[in-house]
């Protein structure tokens, strides 16, 4: 297992357990609300506008401060951000 932040490959053995829904906002310390984040990504999530939710165990949907969306599972990260349409020929 690794940090569940998009594209991170740091071993979860050294990760912090993050409350997906912040503990101070009523998030419980239960397996459905905890995920491993390496220290830098834990701080990034806590002190910036990165957010995520657990879709199912081991599968996370992330949103960046710029509105990009990523799906992170046990094998890869997929960028789900819609791409702008190309300009019309003209």
PDB file of N, CA and C in Angstrom:
ATOM      1  N   UNK A   1       0.834  -1.193   0.000  1.00  0.00           N
ATOM      2  CA  UNK A   1       0.000   0.000   0.000  1.00  0.00           C
ATOM      3  C   UNK A   1       0.868   1.241   0.000  1.00  0.00           C
ATOM      4  N   UNK A   2       0.298   2.296  -0.581  1.00  0.00           N
ATOM      5  CA  UNK A   2       1.016   3.563  -0.673  1.00  0.00           C
ATOM      6  C   UNK A   2       0.119   4.695  -0.188  1.00  0.00           C
ATOM      7  N   UNK A   3       0.712   5.873  -0.101  1.00  0.00           N
ATOM      8  CA  UNK A   3      -0.044   7.104   0.125  1.00  0.00           C
ATOM      9  C   UNK A   3      -1.139   7.162  -0.942  1.00  0.00           C
ATOM     10  N   UNK A   4      -2.352   7.586  -0.571  1.00  0.00           N
ATOM     11  CA  UNK A   4      -3.469   7.562  -1.517  1.00  0.00           C
ATOM     12  C   UNK A   4      -3.632   8.870  -2.295  1.00  0.00           C
ATOM     13  N   UNK A   5      -2.694   9.798  -2.147  1.00  0.00           N
ATOM     14  CA  UNK A   5      -2.747  11.037  -2.930  1.00  0.00           C
ATOM     15  C   UNK A   5      -2.452  10.706  -4.394  1.00  0.00           C
ATOM     16  N   UNK A   6      -3.078  11.426  -5.329  1.00  0.00           N
ATOM     17  CA  UNK A   6      -2.827  11.143  -6.749  1.00  0.00           C
ATOM     18  C   UNK A   6      -1.333  11.097  -7.083  1.00  0.00           C
ATOM     19  N   UNK A   7      -0.941  10.044  -7.761  1.00  0.00           N
ATOM     20  CA  UNK A   7       0.403   9.816  -8.300  1.00  0.00           C
ATOM     21  C   UNK A   7       1.487   9.575  -7.249  1.00  0.00           C
ATOM     22  N   UNK A   8       1.168   9.566  -5.968  1.00  0.00           N
ATOM     23  CA  UNK A   8       2.198   9.340  -4.948  1.00  0.00           C
ATOM     24  C   UNK A   8       2.488   7.846  -4.824  1.00  0.00           C
ATOM     25  N   UNK A   9       3.764   7.509  -4.648  1.00  0.00           N
ATOM     26  CA  UNK A   9       4.166   6.109  -4.509  1.00  0.00           C
ATOM     27  C   UNK A   9       4.872   5.839  -3.182  1.00  0.00           C
ATOM     28  N   UNK A  10       4.795   6.777  -2.237  1.00  0.00           N
ATOM     29  CA  UNK A  10       5.463   6.573  -0.948  1.00  0.00           C
ATOM     30  C   UNK A  10       4.747   5.474  -0.164  1.00  0.00           C
ATOM     31  N   UNK A  11       5.536   4.625   0.465  1.00  0.00           N
ATOM     32  CA  UNK A  11       5.020   3.484   1.207  1.00  0.00           C
ATOM     33  C   UNK A  11       4.106   3.933   2.345  1.00  0.00           C
ATOM     34  N   UNK A  12       2.948   3.288   2.457  1.00  0.00           N
ATOM     35  CA  UNK A  12       1.977   3.631   3.504  1.00  0.00           C
ATOM     36  C   UNK A  12       2.493   3.283   4.901  1.00  0.00           C
ATOM     37  N   UNK A  13       3.493   2.425   4.967  1.00  0.00           N
ATOM     38  CA  UNK A  13       4.053   2.067   6.275  1.00  0.00           C
ATOM     39  C   UNK A  13       4.523   3.304   7.037  1.00  0.00           C
ATOM     40  N   UNK A  14       4.987   4.309   6.305  1.00  0.00           N
ATOM     41  CA  UNK A  14       5.508   5.519   6.942  1.00  0.00           C
ATOM     42  C   UNK A  14       4.506   6.671   6.880  1.00  0.00           C
ATOM     43  N   UNK A  15       3.284   6.384   6.483  1.00  0.00           N
ATOM     44  CA  UNK A  15       2.280   7.435   6.281  1.00  0.00           C
ATOM     45  C   UNK A  15       1.522   7.758   7.568  1.00  0.00           C
ATOM     46  N   UNK A  16       0.895   8.934   7.554  1.00  0.00           N
ATOM     47  CA  UNK A  16      -0.053   9.317   8.597  1.00  0.00           C
ATOM     48  C   UNK A  16      -1.419   8.767   8.199  1.00  0.00           C
ATOM     49  N   UNK A  17      -2.258   8.449   9.173  1.00  0.00           N
ATOM     50  CA  UNK A  17      -3.647   8.103   8.872  1.00  0.00           C
ATOM     51  C   UNK A  17      -4.457   9.391   8.923  1.00  0.00           C
ATOM     52  N   UNK A  18      -4.990   9.768   7.789  1.00  0.00           N
ATOM     53  CA  UNK A  18      -5.739  11.017   7.662  1.00  0.00           C
ATOM     54  C   UNK A  18      -7.226  10.761   7.847  1.00  0.00           C
ATOM     55  N   UNK A  19      -7.894  11.669   8.556  1.00  0.00           N
ATOM     56  CA  UNK A  19      -9.354  11.652   8.625  1.00  0.00           C
ATOM     57  C   UNK A  19      -9.867  12.285   7.338  1.00  0.00           C
ATOM     58  N   UNK A  20     -10.528  11.510   6.501  1.00  0.00           N
ATOM     59  CA  UNK A  20     -11.054  12.027   5.237  1.00  0.00           C
ATOM     60  C   UNK A  20     -12.029  13.159   5.522  1.00  0.00           C
ATOM     61  N   UNK A  21     -12.990  12.925   6.413  1.00  0.00           N
ATOM     62  CA  UNK A  21     -13.812  14.006   6.961  1.00  0.00           C
ATOM     63  C   UNK A  21     -13.119  14.418   8.247  1.00  0.00           C
ATOM     64  N   UNK A  22     -12.681  15.654   8.308  1.00  0.00           N
ATOM     65  CA  UNK A  22     -11.881  16.134   9.435  1.00  0.00           C
ATOM     66  C   UNK A  22     -12.516  15.777  10.775  1.00  0.00           C
ATOM     67  N   UNK A  23     -11.692  15.347  11.702  1.00  0.00           N
ATOM     68  CA  UNK A  23     -12.140  14.993  13.038  1.00  0.00           C
ATOM     69  C   UNK A  23     -12.848  16.175  13.690  1.00  0.00           C
ATOM     70  N   UNK A  24     -12.317  17.375  13.493  1.00  0.00           N
ATOM     71  CA  UNK A  24     -12.919  18.573  14.090  1.00  0.00           C
ATOM     72  C   UNK A  24     -14.280  18.910  13.491  1.00  0.00           C
ATOM     73  N   UNK A  25     -14.598  18.324  12.340  1.00  0.00           N
ATOM     74  CA  UNK A  25     -15.896  18.547  11.702  1.00  0.00           C
ATOM     75  C   UNK A  25     -16.842  17.363  11.925  1.00  0.00           C
ATOM     76  N   UNK A  26     -16.485  16.502  12.860  1.00  0.00           N
ATOM     77  CA  UNK A  26     -17.338  15.360  13.175  1.00  0.00           C
ATOM     78  C   UNK A  26     -16.927  14.059  12.523  1.00  0.00           C
ATOM     79  N   UNK A  27     -15.811  14.066  11.790  1.00  0.00           N
ATOM     80  CA  UNK A  27     -15.334  12.835  11.162  1.00  0.00           C
ATOM     81  C   UNK A  27     -14.887  11.831  12.215  1.00  0.00           C
ATOM     82  N   UNK A  28     -15.356  10.627  12.096  1.00  0.00           N
ATOM     83  CA  UNK A  28     -15.050   9.595  13.084  1.00  0.00           C
ATOM     84  C   UNK A  28     -13.720   8.920  12.783  1.00  0.00           C
ATOM     85  N   UNK A  29     -13.153   8.329  13.803  1.00  0.00           N
ATOM     86  CA  UNK A  29     -11.923   7.560  13.650  1.00  0.00           C
ATOM     87  C   UNK A  29     -12.314   6.105  13.400  1.00  0.00           C
ATOM     88  N   UNK A  30     -12.799   5.853  12.190  1.00  0.00           N
ATOM     89  CA  UNK A  30     -13.239   4.538  11.736  1.00  0.00           C
ATOM     90  C   UNK A  30     -12.535   4.225  10.424  1.00  0.00           C
ATOM     91  N   UNK A  31     -12.471   2.949  10.075  1.00  0.00           N
ATOM     92  CA  UNK A  31     -11.762   2.561   8.855  1.00  0.00           C
ATOM     93  C   UNK A  31     -12.337   3.220   7.612  1.00  0.00           C
ATOM     94  N   UNK A  32     -13.631   3.484   7.558  1.00  0.00           N
ATOM     95  CA  UNK A  32     -14.225   4.125   6.374  1.00  0.00           C
ATOM     96  C   UNK A  32     -13.873   5.604   6.286  1.00  0.00           C
ATOM     97  N   UNK A  33     -13.283   6.182   7.349  1.00  0.00           N
ATOM     98  CA  UNK A  33     -12.936   7.604   7.334  1.00  0.00           C
ATOM     99  C   UNK A  33     -11.438   7.834   7.494  1.00  0.00           C
ATOM    100  N   UNK A  34     -10.625   6.813   7.353  1.00  0.00           N
ATOM    101  CA  UNK A  34      -9.175   6.953   7.482  1.00  0.00           C
ATOM    102  C   UNK A  34      -8.487   6.470   6.213  1.00  0.00           C
ATOM    103  N   UNK A  35      -7.435   7.182   5.830  1.00  0.00           N
ATOM    104  CA  UNK A  35      -6.655   6.778   4.659  1.00  0.00           C
ATOM    105  C   UNK A  35      -5.202   7.183   4.879  1.00  0.00           C
ATOM    106  N   UNK A  36      -4.247   6.384   4.360  1.00  0.00           N
ATOM    107  CA  UNK A  36      -2.837   6.720   4.535  1.00  0.00           C
ATOM    108  C   UNK A  36      -2.393   7.831   3.582  1.00  0.00           C
ATOM    109  N   UNK A  37      -1.823   8.879   4.158  1.00  0.00           N
ATOM    110  CA  UNK A  37      -1.204   9.955   3.374  1.00  0.00           C
ATOM    111  C   UNK A  37       0.209  10.160   3.887  1.00  0.00           C
ATOM    112  N   UNK A  38       1.179  10.265   2.969  1.00  0.00           N
ATOM    113  CA  UNK A  38       2.537  10.586   3.387  1.00  0.00           C
ATOM    114  C   UNK A  38       2.494  11.959   4.065  1.00  0.00           C
ATOM    115  N   UNK A  39       3.498  12.268   4.839  1.00  0.00           N
ATOM    116  CA  UNK A  39       3.476  13.504   5.627  1.00  0.00           C
ATOM    117  C   UNK A  39       3.278  14.746   4.757  1.00  0.00           C
ATOM    118  N   UNK A  40       3.968  14.842   3.630  1.00  0.00           N
ATOM    119  CA  UNK A  40       3.831  16.054   2.806  1.00  0.00           C
ATOM    120  C   UNK A  40       2.426  16.178   2.226  1.00  0.00           C
ATOM    121  N   UNK A  41       1.833  15.076   1.786  1.00  0.00           N
ATOM    122  CA  UNK A  41       0.477  15.152   1.245  1.00  0.00           C
ATOM    123  C   UNK A  41      -0.572  15.319   2.348  1.00  0.00           C
ATOM    124  N   UNK A  42      -0.294  14.785   3.535  1.00  0.00           N
ATOM    125  CA  UNK A  42      -1.202  15.006   4.660  1.00  0.00           C
ATOM    126  C   UNK A  42      -1.252  16.498   4.996  1.00  0.00           C
ATOM    127  N   UNK A  43      -0.094  17.116   5.071  1.00  0.00           N
ATOM    128  CA  UNK A  43      -0.053  18.561   5.361  1.00  0.00           C
ATOM    129  C   UNK A  43      -0.678  19.356   4.218  1.00  0.00           C
ATOM    130  N   UNK A  44      -0.418  18.943   2.995  1.00  0.00           N
ATOM    131  CA  UNK A  44      -0.996  19.617   1.833  1.00  0.00           C
ATOM    132  C   UNK A  44      -2.524  19.558   1.886  1.00  0.00           C
ATOM    133  N   UNK A  45      -3.069  18.391   2.188  1.00  0.00           N
ATOM    134  CA  UNK A  45      -4.532  18.241   2.276  1.00  0.00           C
ATOM    135  C   UNK A  45      -5.090  19.053   3.445  1.00  0.00           C
ATOM    136  N   UNK A  46      -4.396  19.041   4.578  1.00  0.00           N
ATOM    137  CA  UNK A  46      -4.891  19.729   5.767  1.00  0.00           C
ATOM    138  C   UNK A  46      -4.848  21.244   5.622  1.00  0.00           C
ATOM    139  N   UNK A  47      -3.813  21.774   4.978  1.00  0.00           N
ATOM    140  CA  UNK A  47      -3.611  23.219   4.955  1.00  0.00           C
ATOM    141  C   UNK A  47      -3.851  23.870   3.597  1.00  0.00           C
ATOM    142  N   UNK A  48      -4.447  23.150   2.658  1.00  0.00           N
ATOM    143  CA  UNK A  48      -4.789  23.754   1.366  1.00  0.00           C
ATOM    144  C   UNK A  48      -6.188  23.289   0.986  1.00  0.00           C
ATOM    145  N   UNK A  49      -6.582  23.540  -0.219  1.00  0.00           N
ATOM    146  CA  UNK A  49      -7.955  23.251  -0.646  1.00  0.00           C
ATOM    147  C   UNK A  49      -8.112  21.883  -1.312  1.00  0.00           C
ATOM    148  N   UNK A  50      -7.127  20.976  -1.173  1.00  0.00           N
ATOM    149  CA  UNK A  50      -7.305  19.617  -1.676  1.00  0.00           C
ATOM    150  C   UNK A  50      -8.392  18.932  -0.854  1.00  0.00           C
ATOM    151  N   UNK A  51      -9.298  18.203  -1.514  1.00  0.00           N
ATOM    152  CA  UNK A  51     -10.321  17.425  -0.820  1.00  0.00           C
ATOM    153  C   UNK A  51     -10.420  16.049  -1.477  1.00  0.00           C
ATOM    154  N   UNK A  52     -10.938  15.092  -0.729  1.00  0.00           N
ATOM    155  CA  UNK A  52     -11.156  13.766  -1.308  1.00  0.00           C
ATOM    156  C   UNK A  52     -12.222  13.018  -0.535  1.00  0.00           C
ATOM    157  N   UNK A  53     -12.729  11.987  -1.167  1.00  0.00           N
ATOM    158  CA  UNK A  53     -13.700  11.108  -0.526  1.00  0.00           C
ATOM    159  C   UNK A  53     -13.357   9.673  -0.907  1.00  0.00           C
ATOM    160  N   UNK A  54     -13.795   8.739  -0.076  1.00  0.00           N
ATOM    161  CA  UNK A  54     -13.591   7.327  -0.367  1.00  0.00           C
ATOM    162  C   UNK A  54     -14.827   6.819  -1.103  1.00  0.00           C
ATOM    163  N   UNK A  55     -14.628   6.351  -2.328  1.00  0.00           N
ATOM    164  CA  UNK A  55     -15.718   5.805  -3.132  1.00  0.00           C
ATOM    165  C   UNK A  55     -16.088   4.405  -2.629  1.00  0.00           C
ATOM    166  N   UNK A  56     -15.070   3.632  -2.362  1.00  0.00           N
ATOM    167  CA  UNK A  56     -15.175   2.288  -1.784  1.00  0.00           C
ATOM    168  C   UNK A  56     -13.816   2.018  -1.173  1.00  0.00           C
ATOM    169  N   UNK A  57     -13.676   0.999  -0.338  1.00  0.00           N
ATOM    170  CA  UNK A  57     -12.368   0.758   0.262  1.00  0.00           C
ATOM    171  C   UNK A  57     -11.262   0.678  -0.799  1.00  0.00           C
ATOM    172  N   UNK A  58     -10.232   1.504  -0.627  1.00  0.00           N
ATOM    173  CA  UNK A  58      -9.098   1.512  -1.540  1.00  0.00           C
ATOM    174  C   UNK A  58      -9.276   2.357  -2.786  1.00  0.00           C
ATOM    175  N   UNK A  59     -10.392   3.060  -2.920  1.00  0.00           N
ATOM    176  CA  UNK A  59     -10.670   3.881  -4.107  1.00  0.00           C
ATOM    177  C   UNK A  59     -11.097   5.279  -3.656  1.00  0.00           C
ATOM    178  N   UNK A  60     -10.368   6.298  -4.123  1.00  0.00           N
ATOM    179  CA  UNK A  60     -10.550   7.665  -3.630  1.00  0.00           C
ATOM    180  C   UNK A  60     -10.750   8.635  -4.785  1.00  0.00           C
ATOM    181  N   UNK A  61     -11.658   9.576  -4.596  1.00  0.00           N
ATOM    182  CA  UNK A  61     -11.898  10.629  -5.571  1.00  0.00           C
ATOM    183  C   UNK A  61     -11.360  11.927  -4.993  1.00  0.00           C
ATOM    184  N   UNK A  62     -10.379  12.516  -5.686  1.00  0.00           N
ATOM    185  CA  UNK A  62      -9.693  13.729  -5.236  1.00  0.00           C
ATOM    186  C   UNK A  62     -10.093  14.930  -6.084  1.00  0.00           C
ATOM    187  N   UNK A  63     -10.117  16.109  -5.453  1.00  0.00           N
ATOM    188  CA  UNK A  63     -10.312  17.364  -6.180  1.00  0.00           C
ATOM    189  C   UNK A  63      -9.210  18.325  -5.736  1.00  0.00           C
ATOM    190  N   UNK A  64      -8.504  18.893  -6.714  1.00  0.00           N
ATOM    191  CA  UNK A  64      -7.410  19.819  -6.425  1.00  0.00           C
ATOM    192  C   UNK A  64      -7.960  21.228  -6.196  1.00  0.00           C
ATOM    193  N   UNK A  65      -7.139  22.121  -5.646  1.00  0.00           N
ATOM    194  CA  UNK A  65      -7.575  23.506  -5.474  1.00  0.00           C
ATOM    195  C   UNK A  65      -7.951  24.184  -6.794  1.00  0.00           C
ATOM    196  N   UNK A  66      -7.439  23.684  -7.914  1.00  0.00           N
ATOM    197  CA  UNK A  66      -7.742  24.269  -9.225  1.00  0.00           C
ATOM    198  C   UNK A  66      -8.924  23.589  -9.907  1.00  0.00           C
ATOM    199  N   UNK A  67      -9.554  22.634  -9.218  1.00  0.00           N
ATOM    200  CA  UNK A  67     -10.736  21.975  -9.760  1.00  0.00           C
ATOM    201  C   UNK A  67     -10.472  20.706 -10.547  1.00  0.00           C
ATOM    202  N   UNK A  68      -9.221  20.263 -10.627  1.00  0.00           N
ATOM    203  CA  UNK A  68      -8.934  18.999 -11.303  1.00  0.00           C
ATOM    204  C   UNK A  68      -9.444  17.840 -10.448  1.00  0.00           C
ATOM    205  N   UNK A  69      -9.889  16.783 -11.107  1.00  0.00           N
ATOM    206  CA  UNK A  69     -10.442  15.624 -10.415  1.00  0.00           C
ATOM    207  C   UNK A  69      -9.624  14.391 -10.774  1.00  0.00           C
ATOM    208  N   UNK A  70      -9.294  13.599  -9.752  1.00  0.00           N
ATOM    209  CA  UNK A  70      -8.485  12.395  -9.939  1.00  0.00           C
ATOM    210  C   UNK A  70      -9.144  11.229  -9.224  1.00  0.00           C
ATOM    211  N   UNK A  71      -9.087  10.072  -9.849  1.00  0.00           N
ATOM    212  CA  UNK A  71      -9.537   8.837  -9.226  1.00  0.00           C
ATOM    213  C   UNK A  71      -8.302   8.023  -8.888  1.00  0.00           C
ATOM    214  N   UNK A  72      -8.133   7.713  -7.621  1.00  0.00           N
ATOM    215  CA  UNK A  72      -6.969   6.955  -7.164  1.00  0.00           C
ATOM    216  C   UNK A  72      -7.440   5.621  -6.610  1.00  0.00           C
ATOM    217  N   UNK A  73      -6.905   4.536  -7.152  1.00  0.00           N
ATOM    218  CA  UNK A  73      -7.221   3.218  -6.612  1.00  0.00           C
ATOM    219  C   UNK A  73      -5.920   2.497  -6.296  1.00  0.00           C
ATOM    220  N   UNK A  74      -6.000   1.216  -6.027  1.00  0.00           N
ATOM    221  CA  UNK A  74      -4.822   0.464  -5.617  1.00  0.00           C
ATOM    222  C   UNK A  74      -3.785   0.256  -6.696  1.00  0.00           C
ATOM    223  N   UNK A  75      -4.104   0.581  -7.944  1.00  0.00           N
ATOM    224  CA  UNK A  75      -3.159   0.333  -9.029  1.00  0.00           C
ATOM    225  C   UNK A  75      -2.692   1.583  -9.750  1.00  0.00           C
ATOM    226  N   UNK A  76      -3.489   2.641  -9.749  1.00  0.00           N
ATOM    227  CA  UNK A  76      -3.104   3.809 -10.549  1.00  0.00           C
ATOM    228  C   UNK A  76      -3.904   5.045 -10.155  1.00  0.00           C
ATOM    229  N   UNK A  77      -3.561   6.142 -10.814  1.00  0.00           N
ATOM    230  CA  UNK A  77      -4.310   7.391 -10.716  1.00  0.00           C
ATOM    231  C   UNK A  77      -4.830   7.718 -12.100  1.00  0.00           C
ATOM    232  N   UNK A  78      -6.103   8.069 -12.184  1.00  0.00           N
ATOM    233  CA  UNK A  78      -6.691   8.498 -13.456  1.00  0.00           C
ATOM    234  C   UNK A  78      -7.150   9.939 -13.327  1.00  0.00           C
ATOM    235  N   UNK A  79      -6.747  10.764 -14.266  1.00  0.00           N
ATOM    236  CA  UNK A  79      -7.180  12.154 -14.312  1.00  0.00           C
ATOM    237  C   UNK A  79      -8.560  12.185 -14.956  1.00  0.00           C
ATOM    238  N   UNK A  80      -9.572  12.597 -14.199  1.00  0.00           N
ATOM    239  CA  UNK A  80     -10.943  12.649 -14.696  1.00  0.00           C
ATOM    240  C   UNK A  80     -11.366  14.065 -15.069  1.00  0.00           C
ATOM    241  N   UNK A  81     -10.424  14.994 -15.047  1.00  0.00           N
ATOM    242  CA  UNK A  81     -10.735  16.385 -15.338  1.00  0.00           C
ATOM    243  C   UNK A  81     -11.184  16.530 -16.784  1.00  0.00           C
ATOM    244  N   UNK A  82     -12.376  17.102 -17.012  1.00  0.00           N
ATOM    245  CA  UNK A  82     -12.810  17.319 -18.398  1.00  0.00           C
ATOM    246  C   UNK A  82     -11.839  18.247 -19.126  1.00  0.00           C
ATOM    247  N   UNK A  83     -11.537  17.918 -20.340  1.00  0.00           N
ATOM    248  CA  UNK A  83     -10.653  18.741 -21.165  1.00  0.00           C
ATOM    249  C   UNK A  83     -11.491  19.727 -21.967  1.00  0.00           C
ATOM    250  N   UNK A  84     -10.995  20.944 -22.139  1.00  0.00           N
ATOM    251  CA  UNK A  84     -11.757  21.906 -22.937  1.00  0.00           C
ATOM    252  C   UNK A  84     -11.886  21.437 -24.385  1.00  0.00           C
ATOM    253  N   UNK A  85     -12.998  21.780 -24.974  1.00  0.00           N
ATOM    254  CA  UNK A  85     -13.217  21.431 -26.384  1.00  0.00           C
ATOM    255  C   UNK A  85     -12.258  22.231 -27.254  1.00  0.00           C
ATOM    256  N   UNK A  86     -11.763  21.631 -28.325  1.00  0.00           N
ATOM    257  CA  UNK A  86     -10.879  22.382 -29.223  1.00  0.00           C
ATOM    258  C   UNK A  86     -11.665  23.505 -29.900  1.00  0.00           C
ATOM    259  N   UNK A  87     -10.982  24.577 -30.255  1.00  0.00           N
ATOM    260  CA  UNK A  87     -11.682  25.679 -30.929  1.00  0.00           C
ATOM    261  C   UNK A  87     -12.200  25.228 -32.295  1.00  0.00           C
ATOM    262  N   UNK A  88     -13.314  25.776 -32.724  1.00  0.00           N
ATOM    263  CA  UNK A  88     -13.842  25.391 -34.040  1.00  0.00           C
ATOM    264  C   UNK A  88     -12.904  25.842 -35.155  1.00  0.00           C
ATOM    265  N   UNK A  89     -12.881  25.056 -36.218  1.00  0.00           N
ATOM    266  CA  UNK A  89     -12.069  25.439 -37.387  1.00  0.00           C
ATOM    267  C   UNK A  89     -12.696  26.672 -38.014  1.00  0.00           C
ATOM    268  N   UNK A  90     -11.829  27.525 -38.481  1.00  0.00           N
ATOM    269  CA  UNK A  90     -12.453  28.596 -39.014  1.00  0.00           C
ATOM    270  C   UNK A  90     -12.174  29.646 -39.807  1.00  0.00           C
TER     271      UNK A  90
END
